[in-house]
Protein backbone atom coordinates (compact mmCIF):
# COMPACT_ATOMS: atom_id res chain seq x y z
CA MET A 1 11.37 8.86 42.83
CA THR A 2 9.86 5.52 40.88
CA ALA A 3 6.92 5.38 38.85
CA GLU A 4 3.49 6.82 40.24
CA ILE A 5 1.24 4.24 41.39
CA ALA A 6 -2.77 4.95 41.19
CA VAL A 7 -5.08 5.04 44.06
CA ILE A 8 -8.68 3.98 43.82
CA ASN A 9 -11.55 5.77 45.80
CA PRO A 10 -13.58 3.66 47.37
CA ARG A 11 -16.83 4.91 46.87
CA THR A 12 -16.21 5.67 42.76
CA GLY A 13 -14.04 2.62 42.10
CA GLN A 14 -12.15 5.54 39.91
CA ALA A 15 -8.24 6.65 40.15
CA ASP A 16 -8.21 9.99 41.59
CA TYR A 17 -4.81 10.26 43.28
CA ALA A 18 -1.47 8.93 42.76
CA ILE A 19 1.63 8.52 45.29
CA SER A 20 5.60 9.05 44.25
CA PRO A 21 6.97 5.90 45.50
CA LEU A 22 11.07 6.76 46.75
CA SER A 23 13.86 5.29 44.95
CA PRO A 24 15.88 2.58 47.29
CA ASP A 25 18.68 5.05 47.03
CA ASP A 26 16.44 8.12 47.92
CA LEU A 27 15.14 5.65 50.63
CA ALA A 28 18.74 4.54 51.83
CA GLU A 29 19.66 8.43 52.10
CA LEU A 30 16.53 9.40 54.21
CA ALA A 31 17.22 6.78 56.52
CA THR A 32 20.82 7.73 57.30
CA ARG A 33 19.53 11.20 57.65
CA MET A 34 17.21 10.32 60.38
CA ARG A 35 20.06 8.31 61.92
CA ALA A 36 22.19 11.29 62.00
CA ALA A 37 19.24 13.44 63.52
CA GLN A 38 17.77 10.69 66.03
CA SER A 39 21.32 11.29 68.35
CA VAL A 40 19.74 14.71 69.01
CA TRP A 41 16.06 13.94 69.48
CA THR A 42 17.15 11.00 71.86
CA ALA A 43 19.22 13.81 74.10
CA ARG A 44 16.59 15.29 75.10
CA PRO A 45 14.88 14.48 78.03
CA ILE A 46 12.13 12.99 78.16
CA GLU A 47 9.74 15.20 79.65
CA GLN A 48 10.38 17.25 77.00
CA ARG A 49 10.01 15.15 73.95
CA GLY A 50 6.67 14.64 75.71
CA ALA A 51 6.14 18.23 75.34
CA ILE A 52 7.10 18.19 71.90
CA LEU A 53 4.89 15.03 70.54
CA LYS A 54 1.98 17.21 72.66
CA GLN A 55 2.48 20.56 69.93
CA LEU A 56 2.29 17.18 67.24
CA GLY A 57 -1.57 16.67 68.73
CA ALA A 58 -2.28 20.37 68.63
CA SER A 59 -0.93 20.79 65.37
CA ILE A 60 -3.47 17.85 63.96
CA ALA A 61 -5.80 19.71 65.65
CA ARG A 62 -5.07 22.41 63.38
CA HIS A 63 -4.85 20.44 60.54
CA ARG A 64 -8.26 18.21 61.34
CA GLY A 65 -10.61 19.09 58.18
CA ALA A 66 -7.81 17.97 55.41
CA LEU A 67 -6.86 15.08 57.37
CA ILE A 68 -10.37 13.85 58.23
CA ASP A 69 -10.47 14.82 53.95
CA ALA A 70 -7.83 12.76 53.24
CA LEU A 71 -9.02 9.82 55.38
CA THR A 72 -12.44 10.04 53.93
CA ALA A 73 -11.70 10.17 50.48
CA ASP A 74 -9.16 7.09 51.57
CA THR A 75 -11.35 5.09 53.12
CA GLY A 76 -15.15 5.70 52.05
CA ARG A 77 -16.44 6.26 55.25
CA ALA A 78 -17.02 9.66 56.86
CA GLY A 79 -17.46 9.49 60.58
CA ILE A 80 -14.88 6.65 61.63
CA SER A 81 -12.45 9.36 59.66
CA ARG A 82 -13.25 11.59 62.18
CA THR A 83 -13.03 9.17 64.92
CA GLU A 84 -9.43 8.19 64.06
CA VAL A 85 -8.24 12.02 63.41
CA ASP A 86 -9.70 13.19 67.06
CA SER A 87 -8.30 10.22 68.68
CA ILE A 88 -4.41 11.13 68.16
CA PRO A 89 -3.96 13.64 70.09
CA ALA A 90 -5.06 11.76 73.00
CA MET A 91 -2.81 9.13 72.09
CA LEU A 92 0.01 11.52 72.01
CA ASN A 93 -1.21 13.01 75.65
CA ARG A 94 -1.23 9.42 76.95
CA TRP A 95 2.55 8.60 76.23
CA ALA A 96 3.77 12.14 76.46
CA ASP A 97 2.33 11.76 80.52
CA ASN A 98 2.69 8.05 80.96
CA ALA A 99 6.21 7.50 79.84
CA PRO A 100 8.57 9.67 82.11
CA ASP A 101 7.19 7.21 85.01
CA LEU A 102 7.29 3.84 82.99
CA VAL A 103 10.92 4.38 81.77
CA ASN A 104 11.87 5.20 85.75
CA ARG A 105 10.13 2.42 86.75
CA HIS A 106 12.31 -0.19 84.82
CA SER A 107 15.54 1.91 84.93
CA THR A 108 17.38 1.05 87.80
CA ARG A 109 20.58 2.09 89.60
CA GLY A 110 22.85 0.90 92.08
CA PHE A 111 21.46 -2.33 92.56
CA GLN A 112 23.60 -4.80 94.67
CA THR A 113 24.46 -8.07 92.99
CA GLY A 114 25.29 -11.64 94.73
CA HIS A 115 28.75 -10.35 94.71
CA PRO A 116 29.56 -8.36 97.75
CA THR A 117 31.57 -5.62 96.00
CA ILE A 118 30.11 -5.67 92.95
CA GLU A 119 26.81 -3.12 91.81
CA THR A 120 24.67 -2.66 88.81
CA ASP A 121 22.59 0.18 87.00
CA LEU A 122 19.95 -1.23 84.16
CA ARG A 123 19.55 1.28 81.21
CA LEU A 124 17.16 1.54 78.58
CA VAL A 125 18.82 2.19 75.36
CA PRO A 126 16.49 3.09 72.54
CA TYR A 127 16.71 1.65 68.55
CA GLN A 128 18.47 4.60 66.79
CA LEU A 129 15.66 4.01 63.71
CA VAL A 130 12.34 1.86 63.76
CA GLY A 131 10.57 1.35 61.01
CA VAL A 132 6.86 1.37 60.50
CA ILE A 133 4.61 0.11 57.68
CA SER A 134 1.25 0.07 58.33
CA PRO A 135 -1.90 -1.12 56.97
CA TRP A 136 -5.39 0.11 54.97
CA ASN A 137 -8.32 -0.61 57.47
CA PHE A 138 -7.39 2.42 59.89
CA PRO A 139 -4.67 4.41 58.03
CA LEU A 140 -3.70 7.21 60.70
CA ILE A 141 -3.98 5.01 63.89
CA LEU A 142 -1.87 2.19 62.59
CA ALA A 143 0.44 4.22 61.80
CA LEU A 144 1.38 6.15 64.50
CA ILE A 145 0.04 3.67 67.27
CA ASP A 146 3.93 2.17 66.94
CA ALA A 147 5.77 5.63 65.86
CA ILE A 148 4.32 7.06 68.70
CA PRO A 149 5.54 5.20 71.92
CA ALA A 150 9.03 4.65 69.28
CA LEU A 151 9.54 8.37 69.39
CA MET A 152 8.52 8.82 72.84
CA ALA A 153 11.81 6.02 73.57
CA GLY A 154 13.91 8.38 71.77
CA CYS A 155 13.84 6.69 68.31
CA ALA A 156 13.67 8.08 65.30
CA VAL A 157 10.65 6.73 63.22
CA LEU A 158 10.29 6.08 59.27
CA VAL A 159 6.53 5.41 58.41
CA LYS A 160 5.58 3.76 55.29
CA PRO A 161 1.56 3.25 54.82
CA SER A 162 -0.52 0.80 52.33
CA GLU A 163 -0.48 2.18 49.16
CA VAL A 164 -3.96 1.60 49.29
CA THR A 165 -5.09 4.42 52.18
CA PRO A 166 -1.92 6.86 51.16
CA ARG A 167 -3.81 10.39 50.33
CA PHE A 168 -3.82 10.97 54.53
CA ILE A 169 0.34 11.29 54.11
CA ARG A 170 0.27 14.75 52.48
CA PRO A 171 -1.54 16.27 55.15
CA PHE A 172 -0.04 14.82 58.54
CA MET A 173 3.24 16.22 56.75
CA ALA A 174 1.66 19.65 56.58
CA ALA A 175 0.73 19.17 60.25
CA LEU A 176 4.31 17.97 61.24
CA ALA A 177 5.71 20.75 59.77
CA ASP A 178 4.63 23.03 62.29
CA VAL A 179 6.57 21.28 64.70
CA PRO A 180 10.09 21.52 63.72
CA GLU A 181 11.74 19.34 66.60
CA LEU A 182 10.21 16.30 64.88
CA ALA A 183 10.86 16.91 61.03
CA ASP A 184 13.95 14.98 61.17
CA VAL A 185 13.02 11.98 63.21
CA LEU A 186 9.78 11.29 62.12
CA THR A 187 8.97 10.23 58.15
CA LEU A 188 5.63 9.41 56.38
CA VAL A 189 6.67 7.85 52.97
CA GLU A 190 4.48 6.83 50.32
CA GLY A 191 5.13 3.20 48.41
CA ASP A 192 3.86 0.16 48.13
CA GLY A 193 5.36 -3.31 48.80
CA ALA A 194 8.61 -2.95 47.02
CA THR A 195 9.28 0.23 49.63
CA GLY A 196 8.38 -1.64 52.43
CA ALA A 197 10.88 -4.85 51.34
CA ALA A 198 13.51 -2.10 50.73
CA LEU A 199 12.56 -0.94 54.38
CA VAL A 200 13.38 -3.23 56.42
CA PRO A 201 16.95 -3.78 56.16
CA LEU A 202 17.18 -0.14 56.50
CA VAL A 203 16.07 0.17 60.16
CA ASP A 204 16.91 -1.36 63.57
CA TYR A 205 13.24 -2.20 64.69
CA ILE A 206 10.49 -2.79 62.49
CA ALA A 207 6.78 -3.17 63.28
CA PHE A 208 4.72 -4.40 60.83
CA THR A 209 0.73 -4.50 60.72
CA GLY A 210 -1.09 -6.31 57.88
CA SER A 211 -1.74 -10.03 56.65
CA VAL A 212 -0.67 -13.06 57.49
CA ALA A 213 0.86 -13.73 54.59
CA THR A 214 2.64 -10.40 54.40
CA GLY A 215 3.76 -10.22 57.91
CA ARG A 216 5.66 -13.77 57.09
CA LYS A 217 7.95 -11.73 54.61
CA VAL A 218 8.51 -8.94 57.34
CA GLY A 219 9.67 -11.52 59.65
CA GLU A 220 11.78 -13.37 57.45
CA ALA A 221 13.35 -10.39 56.04
CA ALA A 222 13.64 -8.96 59.85
CA ALA A 223 15.49 -12.17 60.60
CA ARG A 224 17.77 -11.62 57.57
CA ALA A 225 18.29 -7.98 58.60
CA PHE A 226 18.86 -9.25 62.32
CA ILE A 227 16.58 -7.44 63.76
CA PRO A 228 13.57 -8.03 65.84
CA ALA A 229 10.03 -7.36 64.74
CA SER A 230 6.78 -7.00 66.14
CA LEU A 231 4.00 -8.61 64.00
CA GLU A 232 0.13 -7.64 64.36
CA LEU A 233 -1.41 -9.93 61.78
CA GLY A 234 -4.72 -11.42 61.42
CA GLY A 235 -7.35 -13.02 63.37
CA LYS A 236 -10.47 -15.15 63.37
CA ASP A 237 -11.95 -13.74 66.20
CA PRO A 238 -14.93 -16.17 68.07
CA PHE A 239 -17.87 -15.38 69.91
CA ILE A 240 -19.45 -17.59 72.27
CA VAL A 241 -22.61 -17.11 73.49
CA LEU A 242 -23.82 -19.41 76.23
CA ALA A 243 -27.41 -20.83 77.14
CA SER A 244 -27.82 -18.13 79.96
CA ALA A 245 -26.89 -15.09 77.86
CA ASP A 246 -29.74 -12.48 77.02
CA PRO A 247 -30.05 -13.99 72.90
CA GLU A 248 -31.18 -10.45 72.05
CA ALA A 249 -28.52 -8.50 73.83
CA ALA A 250 -26.03 -11.05 72.19
CA ALA A 251 -26.87 -10.93 69.00
CA ARG A 252 -27.46 -6.90 69.32
CA THR A 253 -23.97 -7.05 70.65
CA ALA A 254 -22.73 -9.91 67.56
CA LEU A 255 -23.74 -7.45 65.09
CA ARG A 256 -21.79 -4.57 66.07
CA ALA A 257 -18.79 -6.51 66.81
CA SER A 258 -19.07 -8.28 63.60
CA VAL A 259 -19.87 -4.91 60.88
CA VAL A 260 -17.94 -1.87 62.30
CA ASN A 261 -15.61 -0.52 60.00
CA THR A 262 -17.89 -3.09 57.52
CA GLY A 263 -15.96 -6.09 59.35
CA GLN A 264 -12.88 -4.29 57.86
CA ALA A 265 -10.97 -4.99 61.57
CA CYS A 266 -8.67 -7.89 62.71
CA GLN A 267 -10.30 -7.88 65.83
CA SER A 268 -13.93 -7.99 64.42
CA ILE A 269 -16.09 -11.46 65.57
CA GLU A 270 -15.73 -13.74 62.11
CA ARG A 271 -17.44 -16.94 63.84
CA ILE A 272 -20.07 -17.15 66.36
CA TYR A 273 -21.03 -20.06 68.33
CA VAL A 274 -24.56 -20.11 70.45
CA ALA A 275 -26.07 -22.94 72.86
CA ARG A 276 -28.57 -24.82 71.37
CA GLU A 277 -30.92 -23.57 73.89
CA ILE A 278 -31.15 -20.05 72.98
CA ALA A 279 -30.63 -20.55 69.58
CA GLU A 280 -33.73 -19.64 68.08
CA PRO A 281 -34.55 -16.58 69.29
CA PHE A 282 -30.26 -15.57 69.23
CA ILE A 283 -30.75 -16.57 65.68
CA ALA A 284 -34.14 -14.90 64.72
CA THR A 285 -32.57 -11.31 66.40
CA LEU A 286 -29.22 -11.65 64.65
CA VAL A 287 -30.78 -11.71 61.25
CA ARG A 288 -33.72 -9.33 61.57
CA GLU A 289 -31.12 -6.58 63.04
CA ALA A 290 -28.30 -7.40 60.33
CA ALA A 291 -31.47 -6.85 57.72
CA ALA A 292 -32.05 -3.54 59.13
CA VAL A 293 -28.41 -2.34 59.08
CA GLN A 294 -28.48 0.62 56.26
CA LEU A 295 -25.43 1.01 53.79
CA ASN A 296 -24.25 4.80 53.64
CA TYR A 297 -24.70 5.02 49.81
CA PRO A 298 -25.61 7.30 48.40
CA ASP A 299 -25.17 9.64 51.40
CA ILE A 300 -21.95 9.25 52.91
CA ASN A 301 -23.26 11.04 56.27
CA ARG A 302 -26.25 8.60 56.19
CA GLY A 303 -26.31 4.52 57.42
CA ASP A 304 -24.38 2.32 59.15
CA ILE A 305 -21.34 0.84 56.85
CA GLY A 306 -19.26 1.98 54.35
CA PRO A 307 -17.80 0.45 50.96
CA PHE A 308 -15.13 -1.96 50.98
CA ILE A 309 -11.59 0.04 51.19
CA PHE A 310 -10.10 -2.46 48.66
CA ALA A 311 -11.93 -4.01 46.19
CA ARG A 312 -9.76 -7.05 46.21
CA GLN A 313 -11.25 -7.62 49.48
CA ALA A 314 -14.47 -7.78 48.35
CA GLU A 315 -13.80 -10.75 45.62
CA ILE A 316 -12.14 -12.71 48.64
CA VAL A 317 -15.17 -12.30 51.16
CA GLN A 318 -17.86 -13.41 48.27
CA ALA A 319 -15.37 -16.09 47.35
CA HIS A 320 -15.76 -17.52 50.88
CA ILE A 321 -19.45 -16.67 51.11
CA ASP A 322 -20.19 -18.86 47.68
CA GLN A 323 -18.07 -21.49 48.90
CA ALA A 324 -19.72 -22.15 52.17
CA VAL A 325 -23.34 -21.63 49.90
CA ALA A 326 -21.84 -24.47 47.82
CA ALA A 327 -21.03 -26.68 50.76
CA GLY A 328 -24.20 -26.33 51.85
CA ALA A 329 -24.26 -23.25 53.90
CA GLN A 330 -27.52 -21.24 54.60
CA VAL A 331 -27.85 -17.25 53.26
CA MET A 332 -30.15 -15.58 56.03
CA THR A 333 -29.66 -12.36 54.76
CA GLY A 334 -27.05 -10.60 52.77
CA GLY A 335 -25.13 -12.46 50.49
CA GLN A 336 -24.08 -10.59 47.85
CA VAL A 337 -21.44 -8.15 47.13
CA GLU A 338 -23.80 -4.91 45.42
CA THR A 339 -21.99 -2.85 43.05
CA LEU A 340 -23.01 0.92 43.75
CA GLY A 341 -21.73 4.08 42.09
CA GLY A 342 -18.76 2.52 41.71
CA GLY A 343 -18.13 1.18 45.23
CA LYS A 344 -18.25 -2.52 46.31
CA TYR A 345 -21.02 -2.99 49.78
CA LEU A 346 -22.01 -6.16 50.66
CA ARG A 347 -25.51 -5.79 53.91
CA PRO A 348 -24.49 -7.98 56.81
CA THR A 349 -24.48 -10.91 55.62
CA VAL A 350 -25.70 -13.79 58.50
CA LEU A 351 -25.29 -17.87 57.52
CA ILE A 352 -25.75 -20.65 59.68
CA GLU A 353 -25.11 -24.69 58.81
CA VAL A 354 -21.72 -23.63 58.23
CA THR A 355 -18.98 -26.17 58.93
CA PRO A 356 -15.05 -26.10 60.50
CA ASP A 357 -13.74 -26.92 57.23
CA MET A 358 -15.59 -23.87 54.90
CA ALA A 359 -13.32 -21.03 54.27
CA VAL A 360 -15.83 -18.58 55.71
CA MET A 361 -15.22 -20.28 59.26
CA ALA A 362 -11.53 -21.00 58.70
CA GLN A 363 -9.88 -17.87 56.91
CA GLU A 364 -9.41 -14.57 57.59
CA SER A 365 -12.84 -12.82 55.56
CA PHE A 366 -11.93 -9.39 56.69
CA GLY A 367 -15.73 -8.31 56.02
CA PRO A 368 -19.44 -8.21 57.15
CA VAL A 369 -19.67 -11.58 57.34
CA LEU A 370 -21.35 -13.88 60.24
CA PRO A 371 -21.45 -17.75 60.30
CA VAL A 372 -23.44 -18.95 63.12
CA THR A 373 -22.77 -22.79 64.33
CA VAL A 374 -25.11 -24.11 67.23
CA PHE A 375 -23.34 -26.04 70.14
CA GLY A 376 -24.65 -28.31 72.57
CA SER A 377 -22.16 -28.07 75.65
CA VAL A 378 -19.53 -25.57 76.55
CA ASP A 379 -16.67 -28.51 76.16
CA GLU A 380 -18.06 -28.18 72.30
CA ALA A 381 -18.14 -24.24 71.93
CA VAL A 382 -14.55 -24.13 73.02
CA ALA A 383 -12.88 -26.79 71.16
CA LEU A 384 -14.80 -25.15 68.12
CA ALA A 385 -13.28 -22.34 68.99
CA ASN A 386 -9.93 -23.19 69.69
CA ASP A 387 -9.94 -24.69 66.28
CA SER A 388 -7.69 -22.12 64.34
CA GLU A 389 -4.90 -20.91 63.16
CA PHE A 390 -5.74 -17.88 64.67
CA GLY A 391 -5.76 -16.89 68.37
CA LEU A 392 -5.99 -12.91 68.01
CA SER A 393 -8.95 -12.22 70.25
CA GLY A 394 -12.45 -13.51 71.08
CA ALA A 395 -15.72 -13.02 73.41
CA VAL A 396 -17.72 -14.44 75.65
CA PHE A 397 -21.52 -13.46 76.22
CA ALA A 398 -23.05 -15.16 79.20
CA GLY A 399 -25.58 -14.39 82.06
CA SER A 400 -22.87 -13.18 84.17
CA LEU A 401 -19.33 -12.07 83.97
CA GLU A 402 -18.28 -14.85 86.30
CA GLU A 403 -19.52 -17.22 84.08
CA ALA A 404 -18.11 -16.05 80.82
CA GLU A 405 -14.58 -15.70 82.23
CA ALA A 406 -14.31 -18.61 83.05
CA VAL A 407 -14.84 -19.87 79.50
CA GLY A 408 -12.83 -17.36 78.37
CA ARG A 409 -9.99 -17.77 79.97
CA ARG A 410 -9.84 -21.37 77.93
CA LEU A 411 -9.60 -19.72 74.87
CA ASN A 412 -6.43 -19.42 73.01
CA VAL A 413 -6.56 -15.76 72.61
CA GLY A 414 -4.64 -12.74 73.37
CA GLY A 415 -7.81 -10.77 74.38
CA VAL A 416 -11.12 -11.63 76.03
CA SER A 417 -14.28 -9.52 75.60
CA LEU A 418 -16.39 -10.98 78.64
CA ASN A 419 -20.15 -9.96 77.81
CA ASP A 420 -19.61 -7.73 74.61
CA GLY A 421 -17.42 -8.01 71.85
CA SER A 422 -14.03 -6.47 70.26
CA LEU A 423 -12.99 -4.51 72.81
CA THR A 424 -9.37 -4.50 71.91
CA ALA A 425 -10.47 -1.97 69.39
CA ILE A 426 -10.64 0.29 72.61
CA VAL A 427 -8.97 -0.84 75.17
CA TRP A 428 -5.17 -0.34 74.97
CA GLU A 429 -3.51 0.12 78.46
CA THR A 430 -3.34 -3.89 78.98
CA GLU A 431 -0.89 -5.79 77.37
CA LYS A 432 -1.60 -8.76 75.47
CA SER A 433 0.49 -11.41 73.02
CA SER A 434 -1.11 -12.74 69.54
CA PHE A 435 -1.52 -16.23 69.60
CA GLY A 436 -0.91 -18.67 66.87
CA LEU A 437 -1.09 -16.82 62.93
CA SER A 438 -1.86 -13.54 64.77
CA GLY A 439 1.06 -12.43 65.40
CA MET A 440 5.03 -12.63 67.13
CA GLY A 441 7.08 -10.33 69.09
CA PRO A 442 6.47 -8.23 71.88
CA SER A 443 2.82 -6.48 71.87
CA ARG A 444 1.72 -2.88 71.11
CA MET A 445 -0.26 -2.94 74.25
CA GLY A 446 0.34 -1.86 77.72
CA ASP A 447 3.74 -0.91 79.04
CA SER A 448 5.06 -3.27 75.93
CA GLY A 449 3.91 -0.74 73.59
CA LEU A 450 7.22 1.80 74.46
CA LEU A 451 9.30 -0.78 76.38
CA ARG A 452 9.68 -3.10 73.45
CA PHE A 453 11.31 -0.27 71.70
CA PHE A 454 14.88 -0.34 74.02
CA ARG A 455 17.71 -2.48 74.13
CA ARG A 456 18.78 -3.04 78.20
CA GLN A 457 22.48 -2.01 78.99
CA ALA A 458 23.93 -3.40 82.17
CA ILE A 459 26.87 -0.81 83.93
CA ILE A 460 28.46 -3.08 86.21
CA ARG A 461 30.32 -1.86 88.71
CA GLN A 462 33.23 -3.41 91.01
CA ARG A 463 33.52 -1.11 93.74
CA GLY A 464 36.46 -3.93 95.66
CA THR A 465 39.09 -5.46 93.95
CA PRO A 466 39.04 -7.54 90.85
CA LEU A 467 40.25 -10.66 90.95
CA PRO A 468 43.49 -12.17 89.69
CA LEU A 469 43.58 -14.92 87.23
CA ALA A 470 44.58 -17.06 90.01
CA ALA A 471 41.40 -17.02 91.47
CA TYR A 472 40.38 -18.99 88.49
CA GLY A 473 43.56 -21.02 88.50
CA GLU A 474 43.16 -25.10 89.03
CA GLY A 475 44.37 -24.30 93.00
CA GLY A 476 42.46 -20.90 93.49
CA THR A 477 39.77 -22.63 94.93
CA ALA A 478 40.94 -25.81 97.11
């Protein structure tokens, strides 16, 4: 073990928990043991692996209270913590039920090649050990969104959650202990950035969710280790409101998609573009609705949005707001981080008179900030929305789905919500790419969520007579 790391409670600002990272040697030893156990796990029929994962779902349901308590302390929120825990059995069931057919469809046997006597099989061979480095904003879901399909593929999985929100690890490991078949092939370890850095060269595939800055380091480390990586990074999602839209409905949707989880979600709306024709009623509704949002302080079970999970993020968001105001932006509501009971809170902050060069428009804020730009034409709106290094997702709100889709298809993003916002948070069945700095590597959505954890092996059969050397000689084809 290395030195303990203090963990801050986001509602009190106090260090009331500590984690004990593994030493690099202990981490390497663990990885070696998991590699040895993987051969037994992958030898099980895929249907049997699915049945065992369903047992984990039942165990998580039995440990529900402890997991919710840990996530609530980790994140300072109660309702979303309950939703996180309750969503995991469904995620397990989805992959357990769908993976066998998916693997069968992507495997082939007896494929006749262009050579009459040669046929092939295509086998899906799982990576032996997958590493997962997960973030602090949705600790449980984003630790398992990669781990579960990797396990279904037949991999062993070593997960390093964020040191900001690690309390759930111990109750999760208690739930995992109820399913002994998984004990040697799924492990969550406590640790910080150094632990994550030590993890990368120990595994055969790395899946990372987090910031662009850290993702770049993970990608570079993966390249040095010569292993593939899935990187799901930041976003600066645009929300375009066309002149045909209902301005009040659009404003309410933009608000929800911006401030859920205090805006601490990669698919949060962070830039709003509204047509000049309806800008006045849209902004009026947005400001009115934003001002009515309640902080869930002091009662965690009341109100709409909670504290910043990570106090440093509150500082970043405040700096973005202050820089925008100094450059001429106008705060319509909110605008100032508050310290309540030791936690850092920000009421939904609507900004107007913003410009593309402001940090609040160009950099990921990761907070409940809604900068609004008025546009004169659809071409202008699309150009502004696409003027970003990010390309995770976006949204278009219009009077009809057809009109919204025509504009949505022009956005350089991986997922587009039509007449809604941030739908990629709840729709995982459709594969999508991350454009720009928002990520790289195979998608964790759709079929790719499972198939990325396989290598492809071709079995090539010669049913005739192998060609002699003379067939390749200078006179052999005359």
